[in-house]
Every structure is written in structure tokens, then in C-alpha cells.
Amino acid sequence: VKLVESGGGLVQPGGSLRLSCAASGFTFSSTYMSWYRQAPGKDREWVAHINSGGLSTYYAGSVKGRFTISRDNAKNTVYLQMNSQKPEDTAVYYCKITTTDNWGQGTQVTVSP
């Protein structure tokens, strides 16, 4: 199993970023996927997850209405579109297979003027 996140970087408050997670080594199209994040000095927290077909999505209250999780099963990739970003969104973002303990290496997102 391999999960590789990309797309992080520095963005101003109110800006947008799209994270990607390329998956391999398992049947991606049959697997629920999740995004988590970990801010400095804080525990890792769940952000969102998506079912295998991509039609059902769930969000933490802190990101609902601003973030969108999606997937492309033909490309074995899950995405996190982040809009209206706030400084408190600063964290390392990780993708994960929802029901197992397989994580990516993470990608840093920094929201700062």
C-alpha cells in the first residue's frame, strides 16, 4: 500500500489549495478514503471522508462548507479542495485508507498573510 500526498504550500487567508493523494497497492475503487490533519502541538484530527463510489462525503464541522473531498477512481486519486482558508487550517495534511492504519507521508499547508 502506498499513499502519496501533494499540493500543499503557502496560501494567504481566504485563498484556496487543492491537495491530491495518489494511491497504489490496493483496490482503490472499493475503498473508503479519508483526510486528516495535524497542527503544531495538537493531536491529529479527522477532516473528511468519502465512500468508494464518491457519492457520499462527510466533513468535520470546522471545515464543512469550505472543503470538498472528491475522488477519481480511474486515476486512483483522492482530492481535498480547500477554499476560504483560515490560519487555523495550517497543518500537515494526510490521506488515509478509512478502515485501516495506512497513512501517507503528509503535505504541509500553511495559511498566513
PDB file of N, CA and C in Angstrom:
ATOM      1  N   VAL A   1       0.852  -1.189   0.000  1.00  0.00           N
ATOM      2  CA  VAL A   1       0.000   0.000   0.000  1.00  0.00           C
ATOM      3  C   VAL A   1       0.887   1.238   0.000  1.00  0.00           C
ATOM      4  N   LYS A   2       0.545   2.170  -0.886  1.00  0.00           N
ATOM      5  CA  LYS A   2       1.294   3.428  -0.926  1.00  0.00           C
ATOM      6  C   LYS A   2       0.334   4.578  -1.144  1.00  0.00           C
ATOM      7  N   LEU A   3       0.492   5.622  -0.328  1.00  0.00           N
ATOM      8  CA  LEU A   3      -0.314   6.842  -0.429  1.00  0.00           C
ATOM      9  C   LEU A   3       0.643   8.026  -0.479  1.00  0.00           C
ATOM     10  N   VAL A   4       0.543   8.855  -1.511  1.00  0.00           N
ATOM     11  CA  VAL A   4       1.471   9.973  -1.681  1.00  0.00           C
ATOM     12  C   VAL A   4       0.674  11.259  -1.850  1.00  0.00           C
ATOM     13  N   GLU A   5       0.767  12.132  -0.844  1.00  0.00           N
ATOM     14  CA  GLU A   5       0.072  13.422  -0.904  1.00  0.00           C
ATOM     15  C   GLU A   5       0.930  14.451  -1.624  1.00  0.00           C
ATOM     16  N   SER A   6       0.253  15.407  -2.233  1.00  0.00           N
ATOM     17  CA  SER A   6       0.925  16.532  -2.876  1.00  0.00           C
ATOM     18  C   SER A   6      -0.032  17.714  -2.921  1.00  0.00           C
ATOM     19  N   GLY A   7       0.520  18.886  -3.254  1.00  0.00           N
ATOM     20  CA  GLY A   7      -0.315  20.059  -3.434  1.00  0.00           C
ATOM     21  C   GLY A   7      -0.288  21.051  -2.290  1.00  0.00           C
ATOM     22  N   GLY A   8       0.416  20.736  -1.219  1.00  0.00           N
ATOM     23  CA  GLY A   8       0.494  21.669  -0.109  1.00  0.00           C
ATOM     24  C   GLY A   8       1.341  22.879  -0.454  1.00  0.00           C
ATOM     25  N   GLY A   9       1.338  23.862   0.448  1.00  0.00           N
ATOM     26  CA  GLY A   9       2.131  25.057   0.227  1.00  0.00           C
ATOM     27  C   GLY A   9       1.672  26.189   1.109  1.00  0.00           C
ATOM     28  N   LEU A  10       2.096  27.389   0.752  1.00  0.00           N
ATOM     29  CA  LEU A  10       1.743  28.602   1.485  1.00  0.00           C
ATOM     30  C   LEU A  10       0.617  29.310   0.759  1.00  0.00           C
ATOM     31  N   VAL A  11      -0.427  29.673   1.493  1.00  0.00           N
ATOM     32  CA  VAL A  11      -1.567  30.373   0.906  1.00  0.00           C
ATOM     33  C   VAL A  11      -2.000  31.471   1.864  1.00  0.00           C
ATOM     34  N   GLN A  12      -2.513  32.555   1.309  1.00  0.00           N
ATOM     35  CA  GLN A  12      -2.995  33.650   2.136  1.00  0.00           C
ATOM     36  C   GLN A  12      -4.379  33.330   2.690  1.00  0.00           C
ATOM     37  N   PRO A  13      -4.754  33.915   3.817  1.00  0.00           N
ATOM     38  CA  PRO A  13      -6.122  33.728   4.318  1.00  0.00           C
ATOM     39  C   PRO A  13      -7.139  34.093   3.241  1.00  0.00           C
ATOM     40  N   GLY A  14      -8.168  33.271   3.127  1.00  0.00           N
ATOM     41  CA  GLY A  14      -9.168  33.447   2.089  1.00  0.00           C
ATOM     42  C   GLY A  14      -8.846  32.741   0.793  1.00  0.00           C
ATOM     43  N   GLY A  15      -7.637  32.229   0.683  1.00  0.00           N
ATOM     44  CA  GLY A  15      -7.211  31.573  -0.545  1.00  0.00           C
ATOM     45  C   GLY A  15      -7.622  30.118  -0.624  1.00  0.00           C
ATOM     46  N   SER A  16      -7.156  29.458  -1.690  1.00  0.00           N
ATOM     47  CA  SER A  16      -7.528  28.073  -1.966  1.00  0.00           C
ATOM     48  C   SER A  16      -6.306  27.236  -2.326  1.00  0.00           C
ATOM     49  N   LEU A  17      -6.407  25.972  -1.993  1.00  0.00           N
ATOM     50  CA  LEU A  17      -5.433  24.963  -2.409  1.00  0.00           C
ATOM     51  C   LEU A  17      -6.188  23.681  -2.700  1.00  0.00           C
ATOM     52  N   ARG A  18      -5.636  22.856  -3.570  1.00  0.00           N
ATOM     53  CA  ARG A  18      -6.174  21.508  -3.789  1.00  0.00           C
ATOM     54  C   ARG A  18      -5.076  20.495  -3.513  1.00  0.00           C
ATOM     55  N   LEU A  19      -5.354  19.629  -2.571  1.00  0.00           N
ATOM     56  CA  LEU A  19      -4.438  18.537  -2.258  1.00  0.00           C
ATOM     57  C   LEU A  19      -4.831  17.299  -3.054  1.00  0.00           C
ATOM     58  N   SER A  20      -3.830  16.506  -3.395  1.00  0.00           N
ATOM     59  CA  SER A  20      -4.049  15.227  -4.071  1.00  0.00           C
ATOM     60  C   SER A  20      -3.384  14.119  -3.281  1.00  0.00           C
ATOM     61  N   CYS A  21      -3.941  12.934  -3.388  1.00  0.00           N
ATOM     62  CA  CYS A  21      -3.342  11.753  -2.772  1.00  0.00           C
ATOM     63  C   CYS A  21      -3.403  10.633  -3.799  1.00  0.00           C
ATOM     64  N   ALA A  22      -2.250  10.251  -4.303  1.00  0.00           N
ATOM     65  CA  ALA A  22      -2.156   9.162  -5.276  1.00  0.00           C
ATOM     66  C   ALA A  22      -1.998   7.843  -4.538  1.00  0.00           C
ATOM     67  N   ALA A  23      -2.863   6.893  -4.869  1.00  0.00           N
ATOM     68  CA  ALA A  23      -2.898   5.619  -4.144  1.00  0.00           C
ATOM     69  C   ALA A  23      -2.463   4.469  -5.051  1.00  0.00           C
ATOM     70  N   SER A  24      -1.833   3.475  -4.455  1.00  0.00           N
ATOM     71  CA  SER A  24      -1.456   2.270  -5.189  1.00  0.00           C
ATOM     72  C   SER A  24      -1.315   1.106  -4.225  1.00  0.00           C
ATOM     73  N   GLY A  25      -1.363  -0.099  -4.775  1.00  0.00           N
ATOM     74  CA  GLY A  25      -1.144  -1.283  -3.962  1.00  0.00           C
ATOM     75  C   GLY A  25      -2.392  -1.897  -3.355  1.00  0.00           C
ATOM     76  N   PHE A  26      -3.548  -1.367  -3.713  1.00  0.00           N
ATOM     77  CA  PHE A  26      -4.799  -1.933  -3.214  1.00  0.00           C
ATOM     78  C   PHE A  26      -5.892  -1.544  -4.196  1.00  0.00           C
ATOM     79  N   THR A  27      -7.095  -2.097  -3.993  1.00  0.00           N
ATOM     80  CA  THR A  27      -8.203  -1.827  -4.902  1.00  0.00           C
ATOM     81  C   THR A  27      -8.850  -0.505  -4.499  1.00  0.00           C
ATOM     82  N   PHE A  28      -8.343   0.558  -5.075  1.00  0.00           N
ATOM     83  CA  PHE A  28      -8.755   1.908  -4.679  1.00  0.00           C
ATOM     84  C   PHE A  28     -10.251   2.115  -4.856  1.00  0.00           C
ATOM     85  N   SER A  29     -10.808   1.641  -5.944  1.00  0.00           N
ATOM     86  CA  SER A  29     -12.202   1.923  -6.267  1.00  0.00           C
ATOM     87  C   SER A  29     -13.185   1.268  -5.300  1.00  0.00           C
ATOM     88  N   SER A  30     -12.704   0.371  -4.456  1.00  0.00           N
ATOM     89  CA  SER A  30     -13.561  -0.299  -3.482  1.00  0.00           C
ATOM     90  C   SER A  30     -13.323   0.194  -2.060  1.00  0.00           C
ATOM     91  N   THR A  31     -12.540   1.249  -1.916  1.00  0.00           N
ATOM     92  CA  THR A  31     -12.026   1.640  -0.605  1.00  0.00           C
ATOM     93  C   THR A  31     -12.463   3.051  -0.217  1.00  0.00           C
ATOM     94  N   TYR A  32     -13.014   3.159   1.000  1.00  0.00           N
ATOM     95  CA  TYR A  32     -13.288   4.483   1.556  1.00  0.00           C
ATOM     96  C   TYR A  32     -11.958   5.171   1.864  1.00  0.00           C
ATOM     97  N   MET A  33     -11.925   6.484   1.641  1.00  0.00           N
ATOM     98  CA  MET A  33     -10.696   7.237   1.879  1.00  0.00           C
ATOM     99  C   MET A  33     -10.984   8.445   2.770  1.00  0.00           C
ATOM    100  N   SER A  34      -9.973   8.854   3.524  1.00  0.00           N
ATOM    101  CA  SER A  34     -10.125   9.963   4.470  1.00  0.00           C
ATOM    102  C   SER A  34      -8.961  10.939   4.364  1.00  0.00           C
ATOM    103  N   TRP A  35      -9.229  12.152   4.798  1.00  0.00           N
ATOM    104  CA  TRP A  35      -8.180  13.153   5.016  1.00  0.00           C
ATOM    105  C   TRP A  35      -8.163  13.500   6.506  1.00  0.00           C
ATOM    106  N   TYR A  36      -6.966  13.643   7.031  1.00  0.00           N
ATOM    107  CA  TYR A  36      -6.738  14.088   8.397  1.00  0.00           C
ATOM    108  C   TYR A  36      -5.749  15.242   8.352  1.00  0.00           C
ATOM    109  N   ARG A  37      -5.617  15.937   9.473  1.00  0.00           N
ATOM    110  CA  ARG A  37      -4.594  16.967   9.582  1.00  0.00           C
ATOM    111  C   ARG A  37      -4.060  17.033  11.003  1.00  0.00           C
ATOM    112  N   GLN A  38      -2.834  17.532  11.107  1.00  0.00           N
ATOM    113  CA  GLN A  38      -2.218  17.702  12.423  1.00  0.00           C
ATOM    114  C   GLN A  38      -1.529  19.050  12.468  1.00  0.00           C
ATOM    115  N   ALA A  39      -2.056  19.914  13.337  1.00  0.00           N
ATOM    116  CA  ALA A  39      -1.468  21.234  13.532  1.00  0.00           C
ATOM    117  C   ALA A  39      -0.347  21.136  14.565  1.00  0.00           C
ATOM    118  N   PRO A  40       0.573  22.093  14.550  1.00  0.00           N
ATOM    119  CA  PRO A  40       1.681  22.072  15.510  1.00  0.00           C
ATOM    120  C   PRO A  40       1.173  22.013  16.949  1.00  0.00           C
ATOM    121  N   GLY A  41       1.680  21.063  17.702  1.00  0.00           N
ATOM    122  CA  GLY A  41       1.322  20.953  19.103  1.00  0.00           C
ATOM    123  C   GLY A  41      -0.049  20.373  19.391  1.00  0.00           C
ATOM    124  N   LYS A  42      -0.724  19.898  18.343  1.00  0.00           N
ATOM    125  CA  LYS A  42      -2.081  19.360  18.525  1.00  0.00           C
ATOM    126  C   LYS A  42      -2.147  17.913  18.038  1.00  0.00           C
ATOM    127  N   ASP A  43      -3.196  17.224  18.474  1.00  0.00           N
ATOM    128  CA  ASP A  43      -3.425  15.866  18.012  1.00  0.00           C
ATOM    129  C   ASP A  43      -3.891  15.866  16.562  1.00  0.00           C
ATOM    130  N   ARG A  44      -3.643  14.746  15.907  1.00  0.00           N
ATOM    131  CA  ARG A  44      -4.145  14.600  14.547  1.00  0.00           C
ATOM    132  C   ARG A  44      -5.664  14.544  14.582  1.00  0.00           C
ATOM    133  N   GLU A  45      -6.334  15.246  13.667  1.00  0.00           N
ATOM    134  CA  GLU A  45      -7.789  15.285  13.650  1.00  0.00           C
ATOM    135  C   GLU A  45      -8.335  14.909  12.284  1.00  0.00           C
ATOM    136  N   TRP A  46      -9.484  14.254  12.312  1.00  0.00           N
ATOM    137  CA  TRP A  46     -10.173  13.889  11.082  1.00  0.00           C
ATOM    138  C   TRP A  46     -10.732  15.123  10.396  1.00  0.00           C
ATOM    139  N   VAL A  47     -10.637  15.172   9.076  1.00  0.00           N
ATOM    140  CA  VAL A  47     -11.134  16.299   8.298  1.00  0.00           C
ATOM    141  C   VAL A  47     -12.350  15.892   7.458  1.00  0.00           C
ATOM    142  N   ALA A  48     -12.221  14.782   6.710  1.00  0.00           N
ATOM    143  CA  ALA A  48     -13.303  14.383   5.815  1.00  0.00           C
ATOM    144  C   ALA A  48     -13.093  12.942   5.375  1.00  0.00           C
ATOM    145  N   HIS A  49     -14.187  12.292   4.943  1.00  0.00           N
ATOM    146  CA  HIS A  49     -14.016  11.037   4.233  1.00  0.00           C
ATOM    147  C   HIS A  49     -15.066  10.870   3.152  1.00  0.00           C
ATOM    148  N   ILE A  50     -14.798   9.934   2.276  1.00  0.00           N
ATOM    149  CA  ILE A  50     -15.602   9.737   1.076  1.00  0.00           C
ATOM    150  C   ILE A  50     -15.770   8.242   0.845  1.00  0.00           C
ATOM    151  N   ASN A  51     -16.959   7.857   0.402  1.00  0.00           N
ATOM    152  CA  ASN A  51     -17.173   6.432   0.180  1.00  0.00           C
ATOM    153  C   ASN A  51     -16.518   5.993  -1.124  1.00  0.00           C
ATOM    154  N   SER A  52     -16.580   4.701  -1.394  1.00  0.00           N
ATOM    155  CA  SER A  52     -15.816   4.165  -2.516  1.00  0.00           C
ATOM    156  C   SER A  52     -16.275   4.708  -3.860  1.00  0.00           C
ATOM    157  N   GLY A  53     -17.568   4.953  -4.008  1.00  0.00           N
ATOM    158  CA  GLY A  53     -18.084   5.453  -5.264  1.00  0.00           C
ATOM    159  C   GLY A  53     -18.022   6.955  -5.412  1.00  0.00           C
ATOM    160  N   GLY A  54     -17.724   7.633  -4.320  1.00  0.00           N
ATOM    161  CA  GLY A  54     -17.588   9.080  -4.375  1.00  0.00           C
ATOM    162  C   GLY A  54     -18.867   9.858  -4.194  1.00  0.00           C
ATOM    163  N   LEU A  55     -19.980   9.154  -3.920  1.00  0.00           N
ATOM    164  CA  LEU A  55     -21.265   9.852  -3.848  1.00  0.00           C
ATOM    165  C   LEU A  55     -21.620  10.300  -2.441  1.00  0.00           C
ATOM    166  N   SER A  56     -20.942   9.757  -1.441  1.00  0.00           N
ATOM    167  CA  SER A  56     -21.215  10.143  -0.056  1.00  0.00           C
ATOM    168  C   SER A  56     -19.963  10.716   0.568  1.00  0.00           C
ATOM    169  N   THR A  57     -20.117  11.906   1.145  1.00  0.00           N
ATOM    170  CA  THR A  57     -18.989  12.589   1.762  1.00  0.00           C
ATOM    171  C   THR A  57     -19.390  13.084   3.143  1.00  0.00           C
ATOM    172  N   TYR A  58     -18.397  13.207   4.009  1.00  0.00           N
ATOM    173  CA  TYR A  58     -18.628  13.606   5.399  1.00  0.00           C
ATOM    174  C   TYR A  58     -17.491  14.536   5.816  1.00  0.00           C
ATOM    175  N   TYR A  59     -17.836  15.555   6.632  1.00  0.00           N
ATOM    176  CA  TYR A  59     -16.862  16.578   6.982  1.00  0.00           C
ATOM    177  C   TYR A  59     -16.893  16.901   8.459  1.00  0.00           C
ATOM    178  N   ALA A  60     -15.722  17.271   8.980  1.00  0.00           N
ATOM    179  CA  ALA A  60     -15.668  17.848  10.316  1.00  0.00           C
ATOM    180  C   ALA A  60     -16.338  19.217  10.286  1.00  0.00           C
ATOM    181  N   GLY A  61     -16.923  19.593  11.413  1.00  0.00           N
ATOM    182  CA  GLY A  61     -17.627  20.860  11.468  1.00  0.00           C
ATOM    183  C   GLY A  61     -16.754  22.056  11.149  1.00  0.00           C
ATOM    184  N   SER A  62     -15.471  21.956  11.480  1.00  0.00           N
ATOM    185  CA  SER A  62     -14.562  23.085  11.284  1.00  0.00           C
ATOM    186  C   SER A  62     -14.264  23.380   9.808  1.00  0.00           C
ATOM    187  N   VAL A  63     -14.537  22.417   8.923  1.00  0.00           N
ATOM    188  CA  VAL A  63     -14.232  22.624   7.502  1.00  0.00           C
ATOM    189  C   VAL A  63     -15.474  22.541   6.618  1.00  0.00           C
ATOM    190  N   LYS A  64     -16.593  22.131   7.173  1.00  0.00           N
ATOM    191  CA  LYS A  64     -17.801  21.953   6.367  1.00  0.00           C
ATOM    192  C   LYS A  64     -18.193  23.261   5.700  1.00  0.00           C
ATOM    193  N   GLY A  65     -18.477  23.180   4.418  1.00  0.00           N
ATOM    194  CA  GLY A  65     -18.833  24.362   3.655  1.00  0.00           C
ATOM    195  C   GLY A  65     -17.643  25.066   3.018  1.00  0.00           C
ATOM    196  N   ARG A  66     -16.428  24.701   3.436  1.00  0.00           N
ATOM    197  CA  ARG A  66     -15.214  25.311   2.869  1.00  0.00           C
ATOM    198  C   ARG A  66     -14.368  24.289   2.122  1.00  0.00           C
ATOM    199  N   PHE A  67     -14.347  23.057   2.586  1.00  0.00           N
ATOM    200  CA  PHE A  67     -13.527  21.999   1.981  1.00  0.00           C
ATOM    201  C   PHE A  67     -14.435  21.016   1.242  1.00  0.00           C
ATOM    202  N   THR A  68     -13.893  20.438   0.180  1.00  0.00           N
ATOM    203  CA  THR A  68     -14.613  19.413  -0.580  1.00  0.00           C
ATOM    204  C   THR A  68     -13.693  18.244  -0.868  1.00  0.00           C
ATOM    205  N   ILE A  69     -14.108  17.055  -0.449  1.00  0.00           N
ATOM    206  CA  ILE A  69     -13.372  15.839  -0.771  1.00  0.00           C
ATOM    207  C   ILE A  69     -13.989  15.220  -2.011  1.00  0.00           C
ATOM    208  N   SER A  70     -13.141  14.706  -2.886  1.00  0.00           N
ATOM    209  CA  SER A  70     -13.612  14.043  -4.097  1.00  0.00           C
ATOM    210  C   SER A  70     -12.599  12.984  -4.496  1.00  0.00           C
ATOM    211  N   ARG A  71     -12.951  12.205  -5.479  1.00  0.00           N
ATOM    212  CA  ARG A  71     -12.039  11.144  -5.922  1.00  0.00           C
ATOM    213  C   ARG A  71     -12.229  10.875  -7.395  1.00  0.00           C
ATOM    214  N   ASP A  72     -11.165  10.362  -8.012  1.00  0.00           N
ATOM    215  CA  ASP A  72     -11.193   9.905  -9.394  1.00  0.00           C
ATOM    216  C   ASP A  72     -10.698   8.462  -9.376  1.00  0.00           C
ATOM    217  N   ASN A  73     -11.621   7.521  -9.449  1.00  0.00           N
ATOM    218  CA  ASN A  73     -11.235   6.113  -9.346  1.00  0.00           C
ATOM    219  C   ASN A  73     -10.433   5.643 -10.561  1.00  0.00           C
ATOM    220  N   ALA A  74     -10.582   6.324 -11.683  1.00  0.00           N
ATOM    221  CA  ALA A  74      -9.790   5.966 -12.863  1.00  0.00           C
ATOM    222  C   ALA A  74      -8.320   6.335 -12.677  1.00  0.00           C
ATOM    223  N   LYS A  75      -8.069   7.340 -11.827  1.00  0.00           N
ATOM    224  CA  LYS A  75      -6.699   7.793 -11.576  1.00  0.00           C
ATOM    225  C   LYS A  75      -6.171   7.356 -10.209  1.00  0.00           C
ATOM    226  N   ASN A  76      -6.974   6.584  -9.471  1.00  0.00           N
ATOM    227  CA  ASN A  76      -6.577   6.148  -8.125  1.00  0.00           C
ATOM    228  C   ASN A  76      -6.134   7.320  -7.261  1.00  0.00           C
ATOM    229  N   THR A  77      -6.912   8.386  -7.289  1.00  0.00           N
ATOM    230  CA  THR A  77      -6.534   9.616  -6.592  1.00  0.00           C
ATOM    231  C   THR A  77      -7.719  10.178  -5.828  1.00  0.00           C
ATOM    232  N   VAL A  78      -7.449  10.636  -4.615  1.00  0.00           N
ATOM    233  CA  VAL A  78      -8.444  11.356  -3.829  1.00  0.00           C
ATOM    234  C   VAL A  78      -7.940  12.784  -3.643  1.00  0.00           C
ATOM    235  N   TYR A  79      -8.877  13.724  -3.628  1.00  0.00           N
ATOM    236  CA  TYR A  79      -8.554  15.145  -3.579  1.00  0.00           C
ATOM    237  C   TYR A  79      -9.179  15.810  -2.365  1.00  0.00           C
ATOM    238  N   LEU A  80      -8.596  16.938  -1.963  1.00  0.00           N
ATOM    239  CA  LEU A  80      -9.208  17.798  -0.956  1.00  0.00           C
ATOM    240  C   LEU A  80      -9.085  19.232  -1.461  1.00  0.00           C
ATOM    241  N   GLN A  81     -10.206  19.782  -1.903  1.00  0.00           N
ATOM    242  CA  GLN A  81     -10.254  21.175  -2.323  1.00  0.00           C
ATOM    243  C   GLN A  81     -10.532  22.027  -1.095  1.00  0.00           C
ATOM    244  N   MET A  82      -9.648  22.966  -0.818  1.00  0.00           N
ATOM    245  CA  MET A  82      -9.756  23.800   0.377  1.00  0.00           C
ATOM    246  C   MET A  82      -9.945  25.251  -0.050  1.00  0.00           C
ATOM    247  N   ASN A  83     -11.084  25.811   0.276  1.00  0.00           N
ATOM    248  CA  ASN A  83     -11.406  27.199  -0.059  1.00  0.00           C
ATOM    249  C   ASN A  83     -11.573  28.017   1.210  1.00  0.00           C
ATOM    250  N   SER A  84     -11.558  29.330   1.057  1.00  0.00           N
ATOM    251  CA  SER A  84     -11.771  30.248   2.183  1.00  0.00           C
ATOM    252  C   SER A  84     -10.901  29.859   3.377  1.00  0.00           C
ATOM    253  N   GLN A  85      -9.634  29.638   3.100  1.00  0.00           N
ATOM    254  CA  GLN A  85      -8.768  29.102   4.137  1.00  0.00           C
ATOM    255  C   GLN A  85      -8.485  30.111   5.230  1.00  0.00           C
ATOM    256  N   LYS A  86      -8.286  29.562   6.436  1.00  0.00           N
ATOM    257  CA  LYS A  86      -8.046  30.350   7.629  1.00  0.00           C
ATOM    258  C   LYS A  86      -6.688  29.970   8.222  1.00  0.00           C
ATOM    259  N   PRO A  87      -6.095  30.849   8.997  1.00  0.00           N
ATOM    260  CA  PRO A  87      -4.805  30.491   9.631  1.00  0.00           C
ATOM    261  C   PRO A  87      -4.888  29.197  10.440  1.00  0.00           C
ATOM    262  N   GLU A  88      -6.042  28.925  11.018  1.00  0.00           N
ATOM    263  CA  GLU A  88      -6.177  27.692  11.811  1.00  0.00           C
ATOM    264  C   GLU A  88      -6.233  26.433  10.955  1.00  0.00           C
ATOM    265  N   ASP A  89      -6.248  26.570   9.652  1.00  0.00           N
ATOM    266  CA  ASP A  89      -6.138  25.408   8.763  1.00  0.00           C
ATOM    267  C   ASP A  89      -4.684  24.981   8.572  1.00  0.00           C
ATOM    268  N   THR A  90      -3.755  25.764   9.098  1.00  0.00           N
ATOM    269  CA  THR A  90      -2.339  25.415   8.999  1.00  0.00           C
ATOM    270  C   THR A  90      -2.081  24.081   9.692  1.00  0.00           C
ATOM    271  N   ALA A  91      -1.517  23.135   8.950  1.00  0.00           N
ATOM    272  CA  ALA A  91      -1.307  21.789   9.473  1.00  0.00           C
ATOM    273  C   ALA A  91      -0.595  20.954   8.417  1.00  0.00           C
ATOM    274  N   VAL A  92      -0.147  19.782   8.824  1.00  0.00           N
ATOM    275  CA  VAL A  92       0.254  18.753   7.875  1.00  0.00           C
ATOM    276  C   VAL A  92      -0.986  17.921   7.572  1.00  0.00           C
ATOM    277  N   TYR A  93      -1.281  17.760   6.299  1.00  0.00           N
ATOM    278  CA  TYR A  93      -2.473  17.038   5.864  1.00  0.00           C
ATOM    279  C   TYR A  93      -2.077  15.650   5.362  1.00  0.00           C
ATOM    280  N   TYR A  94      -2.841  14.659   5.818  1.00  0.00           N
ATOM    281  CA  TYR A  94      -2.562  13.266   5.499  1.00  0.00           C
ATOM    282  C   TYR A  94      -3.789  12.615   4.865  1.00  0.00           C
ATOM    283  N   CYS A  95      -3.559  11.757   3.896  1.00  0.00           N
ATOM    284  CA  CYS A  95      -4.649  10.899   3.447  1.00  0.00           C
ATOM    285  C   CYS A  95      -4.486   9.521   4.079  1.00  0.00           C
ATOM    286  N   LYS A  96      -5.585   8.816   4.155  1.00  0.00           N
ATOM    287  CA  LYS A  96      -5.606   7.541   4.869  1.00  0.00           C
ATOM    288  C   LYS A  96      -6.694   6.645   4.285  1.00  0.00           C
ATOM    289  N   ILE A  97      -6.418   5.370   4.246  1.00  0.00           N
ATOM    290  CA  ILE A  97      -7.481   4.422   3.994  1.00  0.00           C
ATOM    291  C   ILE A  97      -8.348   4.423   5.246  1.00  0.00           C
ATOM    292  N   THR A  98      -9.637   4.690   5.079  1.00  0.00           N
ATOM    293  CA  THR A  98     -10.523   4.945   6.211  1.00  0.00           C
ATOM    294  C   THR A  98     -10.508   3.814   7.240  1.00  0.00           C
ATOM    295  N   THR A  99     -10.500   2.590   6.791  1.00  0.00           N
ATOM    296  CA  THR A  99     -10.691   1.466   7.709  1.00  0.00           C
ATOM    297  C   THR A  99      -9.424   0.727   8.082  1.00  0.00           C
ATOM    298  N   THR A 100      -8.267   1.215   7.663  1.00  0.00           N
ATOM    299  CA  THR A 100      -7.002   0.577   8.039  1.00  0.00           C
ATOM    300  C   THR A 100      -6.041   1.646   8.540  1.00  0.00           C
ATOM    301  N   ASP A 101      -4.881   1.219   8.973  1.00  0.00           N
ATOM    302  CA  ASP A 101      -3.893   2.143   9.530  1.00  0.00           C
ATOM    303  C   ASP A 101      -2.821   2.485   8.510  1.00  0.00           C
ATOM    304  N   ASN A 102      -3.243   2.685   7.250  1.00  0.00           N
ATOM    305  CA  ASN A 102      -2.305   3.061   6.198  1.00  0.00           C
ATOM    306  C   ASN A 102      -2.397   4.555   5.948  1.00  0.00           C
ATOM    307  N   TRP A 103      -1.283   5.250   6.121  1.00  0.00           N
ATOM    308  CA  TRP A 103      -1.216   6.701   6.000  1.00  0.00           C
ATOM    309  C   TRP A 103      -0.201   7.089   4.929  1.00  0.00           C
ATOM    310  N   GLY A 104      -0.410   8.282   4.354  1.00  0.00           N
ATOM    311  CA  GLY A 104       0.611   8.885   3.525  1.00  0.00           C
ATOM    312  C   GLY A 104       1.635   9.585   4.401  1.00  0.00           C
ATOM    313  N   GLN A 105       2.609  10.239   3.732  1.00  0.00           N
ATOM    314  CA  GLN A 105       3.672  10.918   4.471  1.00  0.00           C
ATOM    315  C   GLN A 105       3.283  12.326   4.888  1.00  0.00           C
ATOM    316  N   GLY A 106       2.202  12.841   4.300  1.00  0.00           N
ATOM    317  CA  GLY A 106       1.717  14.160   4.648  1.00  0.00           C
ATOM    318  C   GLY A 106       2.248  15.250   3.740  1.00  0.00           C
ATOM    319  N   THR A 107       1.475  16.347   3.672  1.00  0.00           N
ATOM    320  CA  THR A 107       1.884  17.531   2.928  1.00  0.00           C
ATOM    321  C   THR A 107       1.549  18.761   3.759  1.00  0.00           C
ATOM    322  N   GLN A 108       2.500  19.684   3.850  1.00  0.00           N
ATOM    323  CA  GLN A 108       2.347  20.858   4.719  1.00  0.00           C
ATOM    324  C   GLN A 108       1.492  21.926   4.039  1.00  0.00           C
ATOM    325  N   VAL A 109       0.514  22.422   4.778  1.00  0.00           N
ATOM    326  CA  VAL A 109      -0.291  23.566   4.351  1.00  0.00           C
ATOM    327  C   VAL A 109      -0.116  24.673   5.379  1.00  0.00           C
ATOM    328  N   THR A 110       0.278  25.841   4.899  1.00  0.00           N
ATOM    329  CA  THR A 110       0.456  26.993   5.778  1.00  0.00           C
ATOM    330  C   THR A 110      -0.404  28.137   5.268  1.00  0.00           C
ATOM    331  N   VAL A 111      -1.280  28.639   6.143  1.00  0.00           N
ATOM    332  CA  VAL A 111      -2.156  29.753   5.798  1.00  0.00           C
ATOM    333  C   VAL A 111      -1.678  30.970   6.582  1.00  0.00           C
ATOM    334  N   SER A 112      -1.127  31.931   5.857  1.00  0.00           N
ATOM    335  CA  SER A 112      -0.519  33.092   6.509  1.00  0.00           C
ATOM    336  C   SER A 112      -0.487  34.268   5.550  1.00  0.00           C
ATOM    337  N   PRO A 113      -0.642  35.509   6.086  1.00  0.00           N
ATOM    338  CA  PRO A 113      -0.572  36.684   5.205  1.00  0.00           C
ATOM    339  C   PRO A 113       0.787  36.804   4.532  1.00  0.00           C
TER     340      PRO A 113
END
